[in-house]
N, C-alpha and C. Protein backbone atom coordinates (compact mmCIF):
# COMPACT_ATOMS: atom_id res chain seq x y z
N UNK A 1 0.54 -1.13 0.04
CA UNK A 1 0.22 0.11 -0.21
C UNK A 1 1.04 1.14 -0.02
N UNK A 2 0.39 2.19 -0.97
CA UNK A 2 1.23 3.19 -0.77
C UNK A 2 0.55 4.33 -0.31
N UNK A 3 1.23 5.09 0.85
CA UNK A 3 0.05 6.21 1.65
C UNK A 3 0.42 7.35 0.73
N UNK A 4 -0.62 8.24 1.07
CA UNK A 4 -0.26 9.61 0.59
C UNK A 4 0.56 10.84 1.14
N UNK A 5 1.20 11.11 0.43
CA UNK A 5 2.36 12.03 0.89
C UNK A 5 1.64 13.28 1.57
N UNK A 6 1.43 13.51 2.79
CA UNK A 6 0.71 14.50 3.37
C UNK A 6 1.56 15.39 4.22
N UNK A 7 0.74 16.74 4.24
CA UNK A 7 1.50 17.77 5.33
C UNK A 7 0.67 18.37 6.08
N UNK A 8 1.15 18.93 7.50
CA UNK A 8 0.07 19.41 8.17
C UNK A 8 0.03 20.63 7.82
N UNK A 9 -1.53 21.14 8.06
CA UNK A 9 -1.86 22.48 7.35
C UNK A 9 -0.89 23.56 7.92
N UNK A 10 -0.33 23.83 8.90
CA UNK A 10 0.66 24.58 9.37
C UNK A 10 1.58 24.88 8.38
N UNK A 11 2.03 24.17 7.42
CA UNK A 11 3.15 24.39 6.42
C UNK A 11 2.57 24.73 5.27
N UNK A 12 1.15 25.15 5.38
CA UNK A 12 0.88 26.18 3.99
C UNK A 12 0.62 27.70 4.46
N UNK A 13 2.16 28.16 4.24
CA UNK A 13 2.37 29.74 4.69
C UNK A 13 1.90 30.58 3.52
N UNK A 14 1.02 31.42 4.26
CA UNK A 14 0.92 33.08 3.24
C UNK A 14 1.92 34.22 3.85
N UNK A 15 3.12 34.58 3.09
CA UNK A 15 4.29 35.18 3.17
C UNK A 15 3.67 36.68 2.58
N UNK A 16 3.89 37.88 3.10
CA UNK A 16 3.50 39.20 2.60
C UNK A 16 4.96 39.62 2.38
N UNK A 17 5.21 40.57 1.49
CA UNK A 17 6.43 41.10 1.10
C UNK A 17 6.04 42.75 1.78
N UNK A 18 7.34 42.97 2.15
CA UNK A 18 7.73 44.38 3.01
C UNK A 18 8.02 45.48 2.05
N UNK A 19 7.89 45.06 0.67
CA UNK A 19 8.53 46.22 -0.50
C UNK A 19 9.65 46.94 -0.78
N UNK A 20 10.70 46.54 0.52
CA UNK A 20 12.17 47.03 0.77
C UNK A 20 12.78 46.09 -0.37
N UNK A 21 14.07 46.67 -0.51
CA UNK A 21 14.65 46.51 -1.67
C UNK A 21 16.39 45.74 -0.81
N UNK A 22 16.44 44.65 -0.68
CA UNK A 22 15.41 43.42 -1.04
C UNK A 22 14.29 43.03 -0.28
N UNK A 23 13.35 42.63 -0.91
CA UNK A 23 12.02 42.24 -0.50
C UNK A 23 12.27 41.51 0.64
N UNK A 24 11.75 41.27 1.98
CA UNK A 24 11.51 40.20 2.90
C UNK A 24 9.94 40.01 3.18
N UNK A 25 9.84 38.82 3.18
CA UNK A 25 8.63 38.28 3.22
C UNK A 25 8.35 37.53 4.47
N UNK A 26 7.57 37.80 5.07
CA UNK A 26 6.89 37.33 6.54
C UNK A 26 5.58 36.87 6.72
N UNK A 27 5.14 35.92 7.47
CA UNK A 27 3.69 35.17 7.66
C UNK A 27 3.47 36.23 8.32
N UNK A 28 2.17 36.40 8.32
CA UNK A 28 1.25 37.36 9.14
C UNK A 28 0.70 36.51 10.25
N UNK A 29 0.63 37.02 11.35
CA UNK A 29 0.47 36.08 12.74
C UNK A 29 -0.83 35.80 12.85
N UNK A 30 -1.97 36.96 11.98
CA UNK A 30 -3.13 36.62 12.25
C UNK A 30 -3.84 35.75 11.57
N UNK A 31 -3.13 35.20 10.53
CA UNK A 31 -3.28 34.02 9.83
C UNK A 31 -2.78 32.67 10.10
N UNK A 32 -3.29 32.31 11.26
CA UNK A 32 -2.95 31.10 11.99
C UNK A 32 -3.93 29.68 12.22
N UNK A 33 -4.98 29.93 11.64
CA UNK A 33 -5.82 28.89 11.75
C UNK A 33 -6.30 28.07 10.27
N UNK A 34 -6.63 28.94 9.51
CA UNK A 34 -7.04 28.46 8.48
C UNK A 34 -6.35 29.38 7.53
N UNK A 35 -6.00 28.61 5.80
CA UNK A 35 -5.71 29.11 4.77
C UNK A 35 -5.42 28.71 3.81
N UNK A 36 -5.78 29.38 2.37
CA UNK A 36 -6.02 28.46 1.30
C UNK A 36 -5.81 29.11 0.18
N UNK A 37 -5.50 28.74 -0.99
CA UNK A 37 -5.07 29.12 -2.18
C UNK A 37 -5.88 28.52 -3.10
N UNK A 38 -6.55 29.46 -4.31
CA UNK A 38 -7.24 28.87 -4.99
C UNK A 38 -7.11 29.31 -6.72
N UNK A 39 -6.87 28.68 -7.49
CA UNK A 39 -6.81 28.82 -8.98
C UNK A 39 -7.54 28.77 -9.97
N UNK A 40 -8.11 29.56 -10.67
CA UNK A 40 -9.17 29.67 -11.55
C UNK A 40 -9.05 30.01 -12.99
N UNK A 41 -9.49 29.31 -13.64
CA UNK A 41 -9.33 29.68 -15.34
C UNK A 41 -10.62 30.33 -15.92
N UNK A 42 -10.62 31.41 -16.17
CA UNK A 42 -11.97 31.73 -17.07
C UNK A 42 -11.98 30.96 -18.65
N UNK A 43 -12.98 31.33 -19.00
CA UNK A 43 -13.20 30.76 -20.08
C UNK A 43 -14.30 30.94 -21.27
N UNK A 44 -14.62 31.36 -22.37
CA UNK A 44 -15.27 31.50 -23.27
C UNK A 44 -15.72 30.26 -23.83
N UNK A 45 -17.13 30.29 -23.94
CA UNK A 45 -17.56 28.60 -24.43
C UNK A 45 -18.36 29.42 -25.94
N UNK A 46 -18.75 28.38 -26.55
CA UNK A 46 -19.49 28.32 -27.75
C UNK A 46 -20.13 27.10 -28.37
N UNK A 47 -21.27 27.27 -28.74
CA UNK A 47 -21.76 25.98 -29.61
C UNK A 47 -21.60 25.73 -30.68
N UNK A 48 -20.93 24.58 -30.99
CA UNK A 48 -20.44 24.31 -32.37
C UNK A 48 -21.70 23.21 -32.95
N UNK A 49 -22.14 23.89 -33.92
CA UNK A 49 -23.41 23.14 -34.37
C UNK A 49 -22.61 21.82 -35.66
N UNK A 50 -23.50 20.81 -35.68
CA UNK A 50 -23.35 19.44 -36.76
C UNK A 50 -23.98 19.95 -37.96
N UNK A 51 -22.88 20.57 -39.09
CA UNK A 51 -23.18 20.65 -40.10
C UNK A 51 -23.94 19.78 -40.91
N UNK A 52 -23.39 18.59 -40.69
CA UNK A 52 -24.17 17.54 -41.12
C UNK A 52 -25.60 17.27 -40.95
N UNK A 53 -26.01 17.54 -39.56
CA UNK A 53 -27.28 17.29 -38.90
C UNK A 53 -27.60 18.40 -38.05
N UNK A 54 -28.48 19.62 -38.75
CA UNK A 54 -28.26 20.78 -38.07
C UNK A 54 -29.24 20.73 -36.79
N UNK A 55 -30.23 19.59 -36.65
CA UNK A 55 -30.77 19.35 -35.87
C UNK A 55 -30.43 18.56 -34.60
N UNK A 56 -29.29 18.15 -34.69
CA UNK A 56 -28.29 17.48 -33.66
C UNK A 56 -28.38 18.41 -32.57
N UNK A 57 -27.98 18.02 -31.40
CA UNK A 57 -27.58 18.80 -30.17
C UNK A 57 -26.41 19.25 -30.42
N UNK A 58 -25.87 20.50 -30.16
CA UNK A 58 -24.61 20.79 -30.36
C UNK A 58 -23.69 20.43 -28.69
N UNK A 59 -22.20 20.36 -29.31
CA UNK A 59 -21.39 20.29 -28.05
C UNK A 59 -20.98 21.88 -27.68
N UNK A 60 -20.50 22.30 -26.98
CA UNK A 60 -20.07 23.17 -26.74
C UNK A 60 -18.33 23.03 -26.49
N UNK A 61 -17.93 24.29 -26.96
CA UNK A 61 -16.32 24.08 -27.02
C UNK A 61 -15.83 25.11 -26.24
N UNK A 62 -14.99 25.08 -25.26
CA UNK A 62 -14.50 26.30 -24.48
C UNK A 62 -12.70 26.15 -24.79
N UNK A 63 -12.83 27.77 -24.53
CA UNK A 63 -11.26 28.24 -24.59
C UNK A 63 -10.81 29.18 -23.53
N UNK A 64 -9.86 28.58 -22.84
CA UNK A 64 -9.40 29.58 -21.89
C UNK A 64 -9.07 31.00 -22.09
N UNK A 65 -9.42 31.73 -21.43
CA UNK A 65 -9.25 32.84 -21.65
C UNK A 65 -8.45 34.17 -20.41
N UNK A 66 -8.49 33.43 -19.21
CA UNK A 66 -7.59 34.15 -18.11
C UNK A 66 -7.56 33.34 -17.18
N UNK A 67 -6.48 33.73 -16.12
CA UNK A 67 -5.85 32.77 -15.10
C UNK A 67 -5.93 34.15 -13.94
N UNK A 68 -6.50 33.28 -12.84
CA UNK A 68 -6.60 34.04 -11.39
C UNK A 68 -6.18 33.24 -10.16
N UNK A 69 -5.98 34.24 -9.34
CA UNK A 69 -5.43 33.46 -7.99
C UNK A 69 -6.18 33.74 -6.94
N UNK A 70 -6.84 33.19 -5.99
CA UNK A 70 -7.08 33.78 -4.76
C UNK A 70 -6.73 33.40 -3.79
N UNK A 71 -6.63 33.79 -2.05
CA UNK A 71 -5.71 33.48 -1.09
C UNK A 71 -6.75 34.08 -0.06
N UNK A 72 -6.99 33.13 1.06
CA UNK A 72 -7.66 33.46 2.02
C UNK A 72 -7.01 32.94 3.43
N UNK A 73 -7.24 33.79 4.52
CA UNK A 73 -6.29 33.46 5.46
C UNK A 73 -7.45 33.98 6.81
N UNK A 74 -7.29 32.97 8.05
CA UNK A 74 -8.08 33.53 9.04
C UNK A 74 -7.42 33.08 10.26
N UNK A 75 -7.66 33.53 11.54
CA UNK A 75 -7.31 32.63 12.77
C UNK A 75 -7.61 33.85 13.82
N UNK A 76 -7.14 33.88 14.78
CA UNK A 76 -6.85 34.70 15.99
C UNK A 76 -6.36 35.87 15.66
N UNK A 77 -7.39 37.08 15.78
CA UNK A 77 -6.37 38.36 15.18
C UNK A 77 -5.29 38.84 16.09
N UNK A 78 -4.03 38.90 15.86
CA UNK A 78 -2.87 39.52 16.29
C UNK A 78 -3.34 41.09 16.05
N UNK A 79 -3.18 41.66 17.02
CA UNK A 79 -3.88 43.06 16.92
C UNK A 79 -2.80 44.16 16.16
N UNK A 80 -1.67 43.50 16.34
CA UNK A 80 -0.47 44.31 15.61
C UNK A 80 -0.70 44.17 13.99
N UNK A 81 -1.55 43.51 13.59
CA UNK A 81 -1.71 43.62 12.31
C UNK A 81 -2.80 44.36 11.62
N UNK A 82 -3.63 44.81 12.45
CA UNK A 82 -4.85 45.66 12.04
C UNK A 82 -4.48 46.66 11.11
N UNK A 83 -3.81 47.52 11.56
CA UNK A 83 -3.32 48.72 10.77
C UNK A 83 -2.87 48.48 9.46
N UNK A 84 -1.99 47.64 9.52
CA UNK A 84 -1.32 47.03 8.10
C UNK A 84 -2.46 46.67 7.00
N UNK A 85 -3.18 45.67 7.62
CA UNK A 85 -4.55 45.16 6.80
C UNK A 85 -5.37 46.42 6.36
N UNK A 86 -5.67 47.02 7.29
CA UNK A 86 -6.58 48.27 6.83
C UNK A 86 -6.20 49.29 5.87
N UNK A 87 -4.68 49.39 5.88
CA UNK A 87 -3.96 50.39 4.82
C UNK A 87 -3.96 49.42 3.60
N UNK A 88 -3.68 48.33 4.00
CA UNK A 88 -3.62 47.25 2.33
C UNK A 88 -4.84 47.71 1.58
N UNK A 89 -6.20 47.37 2.37
CA UNK A 89 -7.40 47.25 1.89
C UNK A 89 -7.62 48.66 1.54
N UNK A 90 -7.22 49.61 1.83
CA UNK A 90 -7.72 50.82 1.72
C UNK A 90 -7.00 51.45 0.40
N UNK A 91 -5.70 50.90 0.49
CA UNK A 91 -4.76 51.75 -0.39
C UNK A 91 -4.80 51.06 -1.97
N UNK A 92 -4.32 51.66 -2.84
CA UNK A 92 -4.35 51.20 -4.27
C UNK A 92 -3.39 50.35 -4.62
N UNK A 93 -2.28 50.11 -3.88
CA UNK A 93 -1.36 49.55 -4.58
C UNK A 93 -1.53 47.99 -4.06
N UNK A 94 -0.88 47.05 -4.98
CA UNK A 94 -0.59 45.67 -4.46
C UNK A 94 0.26 45.29 -3.44
N UNK A 95 0.49 44.20 -3.01
CA UNK A 95 1.91 43.63 -2.39
C UNK A 95 2.36 42.49 -2.97
N UNK A 96 3.18 42.46 -3.04
CA UNK A 96 3.77 40.82 -3.13
C UNK A 96 3.80 40.20 -2.13
N UNK A 97 3.38 38.37 -2.63
CA UNK A 97 3.08 37.76 -1.75
C UNK A 97 3.57 36.48 -2.21
N UNK A 98 3.75 35.54 -1.05
CA UNK A 98 4.40 34.04 -1.49
C UNK A 98 3.27 33.20 -0.31
N UNK A 99 3.10 32.31 -1.37
CA UNK A 99 2.24 31.10 -0.81
C UNK A 99 3.18 29.96 -0.69
N UNK A 100 3.57 29.53 0.37
CA UNK A 100 4.81 28.27 0.57
C UNK A 100 4.04 27.05 0.59
N UNK A 101 4.19 25.98 -0.09
CA UNK A 101 3.54 24.72 0.52
C UNK A 101 5.20 24.21 1.07
N UNK A 102 5.31 24.54 2.53
CA UNK A 102 6.90 24.32 3.04
C UNK A 102 7.13 22.75 3.28
N UNK A 103 7.12 21.98 2.55
CA UNK A 103 8.04 20.72 2.14
C UNK A 103 8.94 20.71 1.25
N UNK A 104 9.63 19.99 1.34
CA UNK A 104 10.95 19.81 0.26
C UNK A 104 10.20 19.59 -1.34
N UNK A 105 10.92 20.20 -2.05
CA UNK A 105 10.31 20.18 -3.41
C UNK A 105 10.09 18.51 -3.93
N UNK A 106 11.08 17.54 -3.36
CA UNK A 106 10.70 15.99 -3.90
C UNK A 106 9.23 15.63 -3.33
N UNK A 107 9.15 16.05 -2.69
CA UNK A 107 7.41 16.06 -1.75
C UNK A 107 6.08 16.66 -2.02
N UNK A 108 6.73 17.70 -3.20
CA UNK A 108 5.81 18.27 -3.80
C UNK A 108 5.77 19.98 -3.56
N UNK A 109 6.88 20.17 -2.55
CA UNK A 109 6.88 21.80 -1.60
C UNK A 109 6.83 22.56 -3.35
N UNK A 110 6.58 23.39 -3.10
CA UNK A 110 6.22 24.43 -3.99
C UNK A 110 6.04 26.17 -3.26
N UNK A 111 6.50 27.22 -3.94
CA UNK A 111 6.06 28.34 -3.57
C UNK A 111 5.53 29.24 -4.89
N UNK A 112 4.40 30.10 -4.49
CA UNK A 112 3.43 30.74 -5.61
C UNK A 112 3.85 32.19 -5.29
N UNK A 113 4.28 32.87 -6.17
CA UNK A 113 4.85 34.21 -5.95
C UNK A 113 3.81 35.05 -7.25
N UNK A 114 3.30 36.58 -6.57
CA UNK A 114 2.62 37.21 -7.30
C UNK A 114 2.29 38.37 -6.71
N UNK A 115 2.14 39.39 -7.18
CA UNK A 115 1.17 40.59 -6.84
C UNK A 115 -0.12 40.37 -6.44
N UNK A 116 -0.89 40.97 -5.34
CA UNK A 116 -2.17 40.70 -4.94
C UNK A 116 -2.92 42.05 -4.18
N UNK A 117 -3.99 42.28 -4.32
CA UNK A 117 -4.54 42.94 -3.91
C UNK A 117 -5.39 42.69 -2.42
N UNK A 118 -5.43 43.01 -1.37
CA UNK A 118 -6.01 42.95 -0.37
C UNK A 118 -7.92 43.12 -0.27
N UNK A 119 -8.59 42.16 -0.53
CA UNK A 119 -9.98 42.80 -1.34
C UNK A 119 -11.03 42.46 -0.02
N UNK A 120 -10.74 41.82 1.29
CA UNK A 120 -11.64 41.62 2.37
C UNK A 120 -11.02 41.68 3.31
N UNK A 121 -11.50 42.10 4.58
CA UNK A 121 -10.80 42.00 5.55
C UNK A 121 -11.45 42.18 6.69
N UNK A 122 -11.92 41.17 7.66
CA UNK A 122 -12.56 41.40 8.66
C UNK A 122 -12.44 40.93 10.14
N UNK A 123 -12.84 41.65 10.82
CA UNK A 123 -12.75 41.14 12.67
C UNK A 123 -13.98 40.60 13.08
N UNK A 124 -13.84 40.00 13.74
CA UNK A 124 -15.24 39.50 14.69
C UNK A 124 -14.55 39.15 15.99
N UNK A 125 -16.00 39.18 16.92
CA UNK A 125 -15.47 39.05 18.17
C UNK A 125 -16.79 38.68 19.11
N UNK A 126 -16.87 37.60 19.81
CA UNK A 126 -17.97 36.95 20.74
C UNK A 126 -17.65 37.11 21.76
N UNK A 127 -18.68 37.26 22.87
CA UNK A 127 -18.38 37.70 24.26
C UNK A 127 -17.84 36.25 24.87
N UNK A 128 -16.90 36.37 25.02
CA UNK A 128 -16.10 35.16 26.11
C UNK A 128 -15.09 34.12 25.09
N UNK A 129 -14.79 34.77 23.85
CA UNK A 129 -13.81 34.50 23.08
C UNK A 129 -12.93 35.41 22.22
N UNK A 130 -12.14 35.17 21.88
CA UNK A 130 -10.93 36.07 21.16
C UNK A 130 -11.13 36.51 19.98
N UNK A 131 -11.12 37.81 19.80
CA UNK A 131 -11.39 38.24 18.57
C UNK A 131 -10.88 37.25 17.33
N UNK A 132 -11.55 37.60 16.12
CA UNK A 132 -10.97 36.70 14.75
C UNK A 132 -10.81 37.47 13.75
N UNK A 133 -9.91 37.32 12.79
CA UNK A 133 -9.70 37.69 11.65
C UNK A 133 -9.65 37.01 10.50
N UNK A 134 -9.79 37.36 9.38
CA UNK A 134 -9.97 36.66 8.12
C UNK A 134 -9.83 37.92 7.23
N UNK A 135 -8.60 37.51 5.87
CA UNK A 135 -8.60 38.17 4.53
C UNK A 135 -8.96 37.25 3.58
N UNK A 136 -9.24 38.18 2.37
CA UNK A 136 -9.26 37.50 1.12
C UNK A 136 -8.26 38.21 0.31
N UNK A 137 -7.61 37.76 -0.81
CA UNK A 137 -6.47 38.47 -1.55
C UNK A 137 -6.68 37.96 -2.85
N UNK A 138 -6.59 39.14 -4.03
CA UNK A 138 -6.94 38.82 -5.29
C UNK A 138 -5.55 38.83 -6.47
N UNK A 139 -5.22 37.99 -7.17
CA UNK A 139 -4.05 38.40 -7.88
C UNK A 139 -4.39 39.59 -8.84
N UNK A 140 -3.01 40.38 -9.13
CA UNK A 140 -3.16 41.29 -10.13
C UNK A 140 -1.89 41.01 -10.88
N UNK A 141 -2.25 40.48 -11.79
CA UNK A 141 -1.14 39.76 -12.83
C UNK A 141 -0.79 38.43 -12.36
N UNK A 142 0.40 38.17 -13.28
CA UNK A 142 0.82 36.74 -13.14
C UNK A 142 1.28 36.31 -11.82
N UNK A 143 0.86 34.96 -11.62
CA UNK A 143 1.37 34.36 -10.24
C UNK A 143 2.31 33.30 -11.02
N UNK A 144 3.62 33.02 -10.57
CA UNK A 144 4.65 32.21 -11.03
C UNK A 144 4.84 30.87 -10.00
N UNK A 145 5.35 30.16 -10.15
CA UNK A 145 5.48 28.69 -9.36
C UNK A 145 6.93 28.13 -9.47
N UNK A 146 7.56 28.03 -8.50
CA UNK A 146 8.96 27.53 -8.36
C UNK A 146 8.82 26.23 -7.25
N UNK A 147 9.93 25.40 -7.29
CA UNK A 147 10.18 24.72 -6.36
C UNK A 147 10.69 25.02 -5.09
N UNK A 148 10.11 24.85 -3.64
CA UNK A 148 10.35 25.07 -2.61
C UNK A 148 11.80 24.04 -2.22
N UNK A 149 12.59 25.09 -2.53
CA UNK A 149 13.99 24.81 -1.98
C UNK A 149 14.48 24.76 -0.51
């Protein structure tokens, strides 16, 4: 039996660049519970008729037209992250982000890098519990991948 190569959820890291030269990437402490990355391809679709049998049901042909990446994260709010997240959300600029599958490349480790807008930032709190934060990021331009070395 061959077991699935697996990794703990904490090995999926979302690191935000500081914009310096050279740029330094660090994980935001508020993203300490859930995190994810989603890759999406947009497509146009067209029905292609059968010229030999115009009454036949047409098949749909799709062509990819665009690619996009979204990132989500949440956890117990680190209050020192609030102003940074708010400034990023309300500002016009993107930030460089790395999403690291933090296992050796031989085991599927990879780093995805690109510019992202912060499109959602929320803080919630319930009586008797710690405040929670969640973020959503949307890519702006190409996202690249490289082996995690």
